[in-house]
Amino acid sequence: MRIFSQAGIVAAAVTGRRVGAVALNDEDHPGSGLKDVGRFGGHGLTLGVAIALFAWIGSMLDKRFHTEPLFVLLGTFTGFGAGFYSMYRHLVLDRSDELRSDKKRDEDGPPA
């Protein structure tokens, strides 16, 4: 059965030890550990800041034009969309570009 909680991953990354079925900083799991926790945490923080910033801008517009809660709602959804797109671009699109360039490099062979 799949574990949905990320608590084990965070605990393993912080302690550097195996927690349950999760092992980070192992040689058989390259790229794992605190680096990934920071990277993914940064994406979550970016999403939260985008939502908060656009909601705040919407709040300011609502106060100015007396249209509460119209612009707050529009700002919140716009912030979520912008933050989600940023996260998607970094996690999916940049990764696929990286994999394509690695594949092309492998096909070209080693440098002569």
Protein backbone atom coordinates (compact mmCIF):
# COMPACT_ATOMS: atom_id res chain seq x y z
CA MET A 1 0.00 0.00 0.00
CA ARG A 2 1.29 3.42 -0.87
CA ILE A 3 2.23 5.86 1.88
CA PHE A 4 0.71 9.30 1.31
CA SER A 5 2.44 11.16 4.14
CA GLN A 6 5.70 12.93 3.41
CA ALA A 7 6.71 13.00 7.09
CA GLY A 8 9.04 10.04 6.67
CA ILE A 9 10.84 11.68 3.76
CA VAL A 10 11.37 14.92 5.67
CA ALA A 11 12.52 13.09 8.80
CA ALA A 12 14.91 10.94 6.77
CA ALA A 13 16.30 13.99 5.01
CA VAL A 14 16.89 15.86 8.25
CA THR A 15 18.44 12.95 10.13
CA GLY A 16 20.15 11.33 7.15
CA ARG A 17 18.97 7.92 8.38
CA ARG A 18 16.48 5.35 7.19
CA VAL A 19 12.98 6.01 8.51
CA GLY A 20 10.54 3.18 7.82
CA ALA A 21 10.82 2.35 4.12
CA VAL A 22 12.42 5.69 3.29
CA ALA A 23 16.16 6.05 2.91
CA LEU A 24 17.73 9.34 1.95
CA ASN A 25 21.39 10.18 1.43
CA ASP A 26 22.00 6.55 0.42
CA GLU A 27 24.26 5.67 -2.46
CA ASP A 28 21.35 3.85 -4.13
CA HIS A 29 19.25 7.04 -4.09
CA PRO A 30 21.36 9.70 -5.83
CA GLY A 31 20.05 13.24 -5.65
CA SER A 32 18.07 12.62 -2.50
CA GLY A 33 18.44 14.33 0.82
CA LEU A 34 18.35 17.86 2.07
CA LYS A 35 18.99 19.24 -1.39
CA ASP A 36 15.69 17.84 -2.65
CA VAL A 37 13.81 18.86 0.49
CA GLY A 38 15.03 22.41 -0.01
CA ARG A 39 14.22 22.38 -3.70
CA PHE A 40 10.69 21.09 -3.28
CA GLY A 41 10.12 23.25 -0.22
CA GLY A 42 11.16 26.24 -2.29
CA HIS A 43 8.53 25.40 -4.88
CA GLY A 44 5.87 25.26 -2.18
CA LEU A 45 7.06 28.57 -0.79
CA THR A 46 6.93 30.14 -4.24
CA LEU A 47 3.35 28.92 -4.66
CA GLY A 48 2.35 30.35 -1.28
CA VAL A 49 4.02 33.70 -1.90
CA ALA A 50 2.38 34.03 -5.33
CA ILE A 51 -1.05 33.36 -3.85
CA ALA A 52 -0.50 35.79 -0.97
CA LEU A 53 0.92 38.52 -3.21
CA PHE A 54 -1.89 38.39 -5.76
CA ALA A 55 -4.53 38.19 -3.00
CA TRP A 56 -2.99 41.27 -1.37
CA ILE A 57 -3.01 43.15 -4.68
CA GLY A 58 -6.66 42.11 -5.10
CA SER A 59 -7.43 43.40 -1.62
CA MET A 60 -5.88 46.76 -2.45
CA LEU A 61 -7.94 46.97 -5.66
CA ASP A 62 -11.10 46.03 -3.75
CA LYS A 63 -10.51 48.83 -1.27
CA ARG A 64 -9.90 51.33 -4.03
CA PHE A 65 -12.91 50.40 -6.19
CA HIS A 66 -15.22 49.18 -3.36
CA THR A 67 -15.79 45.81 -5.06
CA GLU A 68 -15.09 43.44 -2.16
CA PRO A 69 -14.47 40.41 -2.55
CA LEU A 70 -14.20 40.38 -6.35
CA PHE A 71 -10.53 41.26 -6.82
CA VAL A 72 -9.39 39.24 -3.79
CA LEU A 73 -10.90 36.13 -5.33
CA LEU A 74 -9.51 36.93 -8.78
CA GLY A 75 -6.10 37.65 -7.26
CA THR A 76 -6.11 34.43 -5.26
CA PHE A 77 -6.93 32.29 -8.28
CA THR A 78 -4.47 34.21 -10.47
CA GLY A 79 -1.76 33.75 -7.84
CA PHE A 80 -2.48 30.05 -7.64
CA GLY A 81 -2.32 29.75 -11.41
CA ALA A 82 0.94 31.68 -11.63
CA GLY A 83 2.53 29.77 -8.76
CA PHE A 84 1.38 26.42 -10.09
CA TYR A 85 2.68 27.23 -13.57
CA SER A 86 6.05 28.19 -12.10
CA MET A 87 6.21 24.95 -10.15
CA TYR A 88 5.10 22.89 -13.18
CA ARG A 89 7.65 24.59 -15.42
CA HIS A 90 10.52 23.89 -13.02
CA LEU A 91 9.53 20.35 -12.07
CA VAL A 92 8.23 18.99 -15.37
CA LEU A 93 9.29 21.06 -18.35
CA ASP A 94 12.85 21.80 -17.25
CA ARG A 95 13.31 18.16 -16.27
CA SER A 96 12.11 16.91 -19.66
CA ASP A 97 14.51 19.32 -21.40
CA GLU A 98 17.32 18.01 -19.20
CA LEU A 99 16.45 14.40 -20.04
CA ARG A 100 16.32 15.21 -23.77
CA SER A 101 19.75 16.84 -23.68
CA ASP A 102 21.17 13.87 -21.73
CA LYS A 103 19.71 11.46 -24.29
CA LYS A 104 21.16 13.48 -27.18
CA ARG A 105 24.56 13.58 -25.47
CA ASP A 106 24.45 9.80 -25.01
CA GLU A 107 23.55 9.30 -28.69
CA ASP A 108 26.43 11.51 -29.82
CA GLY A 109 28.86 9.34 -27.91
CA PRO A 110 31.88 10.31 -25.87
CA PRO A 111 33.96 13.28 -26.94
CA ALA A 112 36.84 12.41 -29.24
